[in-house]
Structure formats: C-alpha cells, structure tokens
Protein backbone atom coordinates (compact mmCIF):
# COMPACT_ATOMS: atom_id res chain seq x y z
CA UNK A 1 68.42 148.69 115.28
CA UNK A 2 71.85 148.69 117.05
CA UNK A 3 75.05 148.38 114.76
CA UNK A 4 75.82 144.89 116.60
CA UNK A 5 72.09 143.59 115.56
CA UNK A 6 72.45 144.64 111.96
CA UNK A 7 75.85 143.11 111.82
CA UNK A 8 74.25 139.78 113.29
CA UNK A 9 70.75 139.96 110.77
CA UNK A 10 73.57 140.68 108.00
CA UNK A 11 75.69 137.48 109.02
CA UNK A 12 72.35 135.31 109.05
CA UNK A 13 72.04 136.20 105.54
CA UNK A 14 75.64 135.97 104.29
CA UNK A 15 75.41 132.25 106.12
CA UNK A 16 73.42 131.02 102.80
CA UNK A 17 75.71 132.66 100.36
CA UNK A 18 78.05 130.61 98.07
CA UNK A 19 82.06 131.09 98.59
CA UNK A 20 81.80 132.45 95.23
CA UNK A 21 79.04 134.79 95.90
CA UNK A 22 80.73 136.06 99.11
CA UNK A 23 83.81 136.91 97.14
CA UNK A 24 81.87 138.83 94.81
CA UNK A 25 79.70 141.02 97.61
CA UNK A 26 83.30 141.46 99.43
CA UNK A 27 84.46 142.93 96.17
CA UNK A 28 81.79 145.38 95.93
CA UNK A 29 81.68 146.27 99.35
CA UNK A 30 85.61 147.10 99.13
CA UNK A 31 84.67 149.31 95.95
CA UNK A 32 82.07 151.20 97.80
CA UNK A 33 84.56 151.43 100.62
CA UNK A 34 87.03 152.91 98.16
CA UNK A 35 84.51 155.30 96.81
CA UNK A 36 83.64 156.80 100.25
CA UNK A 37 87.33 157.65 100.87
CA UNK A 38 87.71 159.34 97.49
CA UNK A 39 84.24 161.17 97.53
CA UNK A 40 81.08 162.20 99.28
CA UNK A 41 78.98 158.57 99.02
CA UNK A 42 75.57 158.88 100.79
CA UNK A 43 73.37 156.46 102.29
CA UNK A 44 70.69 157.48 99.94
CA UNK A 45 73.37 156.46 96.87
CA UNK A 46 73.94 153.17 98.57
CA UNK A 47 70.42 152.33 98.96
CA UNK A 48 69.89 153.16 95.40
CA UNK A 49 72.78 150.82 94.37
CA UNK A 50 71.43 147.98 96.53
CA UNK A 51 67.75 148.57 95.42
CA UNK A 52 68.80 148.55 91.24
CA UNK A 53 70.94 145.17 91.83
CA UNK A 54 68.47 143.58 93.95
CA UNK A 55 68.15 140.68 91.41
CA UNK A 56 71.65 140.28 90.99
CA UNK A 57 72.13 140.19 94.59
CA UNK A 58 69.30 137.78 94.83
CA UNK A 59 70.94 135.55 92.27
CA UNK A 60 74.46 135.53 93.76
CA UNK A 61 73.07 134.45 97.11
CA UNK A 62 71.59 131.33 95.03
C-alpha cells in the first residue's frame, strides 16, 4: 500500500472520530513524533503501543 493510500484509509477512519477524540489522538501522535526526534523509536514499538491501547482507541473513536 502506498503512503497516499494509507493516508486515505486513515482519513476514512478519522472521519468517524469525535472532535475531542481527534484532539486526543493528535496530542498522542505529536508525543510519538517528539520521542522519535529524541531517540530511536521503531515501528515495532509503535505497533506494540497501538495494540496495547486498541481498546482505548476504539472508545475514543465512539
């Protein structure tokens, strides 16, 4: 899947999020981005975080 296709799919999901959930998600993503700049932050680590917080992310999406 290309980067543009991934962004498109992410946007389809984000369209169902509430404004508050989007704000929380943006804050989370910015913190992940900040950590990447300060240290090596692997894709594997991000996958672990997302899988551990899957239930929370689903609740935020409601």
